[in-house]
Protein backbone atom coordinates (compact mmCIF):
# COMPACT_ATOMS: atom_id res chain seq x y z
CA MET A 1 -11.69 -158.62 250.23
CA LYS A 2 -7.99 -158.12 249.96
CA PHE A 3 -6.48 -155.89 247.20
CA TYR A 4 -2.98 -156.26 245.89
CA PHE A 5 -1.20 -153.28 244.20
CA SER A 6 1.59 -155.53 242.91
CA SER A 7 2.06 -159.21 242.14
CA ASN A 8 4.88 -159.49 244.66
CA GLN A 9 2.32 -158.81 247.48
CA ILE A 10 0.56 -162.12 246.80
CA GLU A 11 1.98 -164.63 249.31
CA ALA A 12 1.77 -167.61 247.04
CA LEU A 13 3.99 -165.86 244.39
CA GLN A 14 6.78 -164.86 246.78
CA THR A 15 9.12 -167.63 245.55
CA PHE A 16 8.83 -166.72 241.89
CA ASN A 17 10.68 -164.09 239.90
CA MET A 18 8.92 -161.22 238.15
CA ARG A 19 8.63 -163.01 234.78
CA GLU A 20 7.26 -166.18 236.36
CA ARG A 21 4.74 -164.15 238.37
CA GLN A 22 3.52 -162.44 235.25
CA GLN A 23 3.09 -165.81 233.52
CA ILE A 24 1.19 -167.24 236.55
CA ILE A 25 -1.05 -164.26 236.75
CA GLU A 26 -1.82 -164.57 233.02
CA ILE A 27 -2.73 -168.23 233.52
CA ALA A 28 -4.94 -167.18 236.48
CA GLY A 29 -6.58 -164.45 234.43
CA ASN A 30 -7.41 -167.00 231.84
CA LYS A 31 -9.23 -169.04 234.49
CA ILE A 32 -11.54 -166.10 235.59
CA LYS A 33 -15.13 -167.00 235.04
CA PRO A 34 -17.03 -165.12 232.31
CA THR A 35 -19.33 -163.38 234.70
CA GLN A 36 -16.28 -162.13 236.76
CA LYS A 37 -14.61 -160.98 233.54
CA PHE A 38 -17.80 -159.09 232.68
CA VAL A 39 -17.81 -157.35 236.06
CA LEU A 40 -14.10 -156.62 235.80
CA ASN A 41 -14.66 -155.07 232.30
CA LEU A 42 -17.54 -152.94 233.61
CA ILE A 43 -15.34 -151.65 236.40
CA LYS A 44 -12.65 -150.86 233.86
CA LEU A 45 -15.03 -148.97 231.68
CA ALA A 46 -16.51 -147.00 234.58
CA ILE A 47 -12.93 -145.87 235.52
CA LEU A 48 -11.59 -145.19 231.94
CA ILE A 49 -14.51 -143.57 230.20
CA PRO A 50 -14.69 -140.28 232.12
CA PRO A 51 -11.06 -139.26 231.55
CA PHE A 52 -11.36 -140.21 227.87
CA MET A 53 -14.47 -138.07 227.64
CA MET A 54 -12.51 -135.15 229.10
CA LEU A 55 -9.62 -135.94 226.69
CA ALA A 56 -12.05 -135.71 223.68
CA LYS A 57 -13.24 -132.27 224.66
CA VAL A 58 -9.88 -130.61 225.26
CA ASP A 59 -7.99 -129.13 222.27
CA SER A 60 -4.98 -127.60 224.01
CA TRP A 61 -2.04 -128.89 226.07
CA MET A 62 -4.58 -129.62 228.88
CA PHE A 63 -5.10 -133.10 227.36
CA ILE A 64 -2.22 -134.15 229.55
CA LEU A 65 -4.39 -133.97 232.71
CA PRO A 66 -6.89 -136.65 231.64
CA LEU A 67 -4.05 -138.70 230.33
CA VAL A 68 -2.42 -138.64 233.76
CA PHE A 69 -5.75 -139.62 235.24
CA VAL A 70 -6.03 -142.64 232.87
CA LEU A 71 -2.49 -143.88 233.69
CA GLY A 72 -2.97 -143.29 237.41
CA GLY A 73 -6.41 -144.95 237.26
CA TYR A 74 -4.84 -147.98 235.65
CA PHE A 75 -2.04 -148.50 238.20
CA ILE A 76 -3.92 -147.41 241.22
CA LEU A 77 -7.36 -148.88 240.59
CA LEU A 78 -7.50 -151.27 237.67
CA ARG A 79 -4.45 -153.31 238.49
CA PRO A 80 -5.68 -154.16 242.01
CA PHE A 81 -9.10 -155.26 240.63
CA SER A 82 -7.40 -157.42 238.03
CA LEU A 83 -5.10 -158.96 240.63
CA TYR A 84 -8.12 -159.50 243.03
CA PHE A 85 -10.10 -161.46 240.43
CA ALA A 86 -6.95 -163.46 239.35
CA SER A 87 -5.82 -164.17 242.95
CA GLN A 88 -8.81 -166.48 243.42
CA TYR A 89 -7.17 -168.82 240.83
CA ILE A 90 -3.53 -168.46 241.77
CA ASP A 91 -3.16 -171.92 243.31
CA LYS A 92 -4.50 -173.66 240.14
CA ALA A 93 -2.39 -171.36 238.00
CA ILE A 94 0.76 -172.25 239.93
CA ARG A 95 0.09 -175.95 239.43
CA ASP A 96 -0.41 -175.39 235.72
CA PHE A 97 2.76 -173.28 235.51
CA LYS A 98 4.84 -175.96 237.21
CA ARG A 99 3.31 -178.53 235.00
CA GLN A 100 4.31 -176.47 231.88
CA GLN A 101 7.80 -176.08 233.22
CA GLU A 102 8.25 -179.90 233.63
CA ASN A 103 7.39 -180.46 229.98
């Protein structure tokens, strides 16, 4: 199980620029099976709910701390999970992307 923290770490996407990589990852994300999407969404909820619960209980400037956790959680934890599930479909997504570029 290999996790990627950025799309430029995926070997198959090395030849594409940032915008093309984003489009390919979006195509791959659309190919994720419903059961995998369900698991991914459960992981997202498990990571995001605790900081938001903390945020709801704080009335002072301390709300910034849970907000930092949410942003950090997204970039450090959620993005790699999303890329992991999408990376299984990268080859198909690249073929579809090239086919779209030809039209």
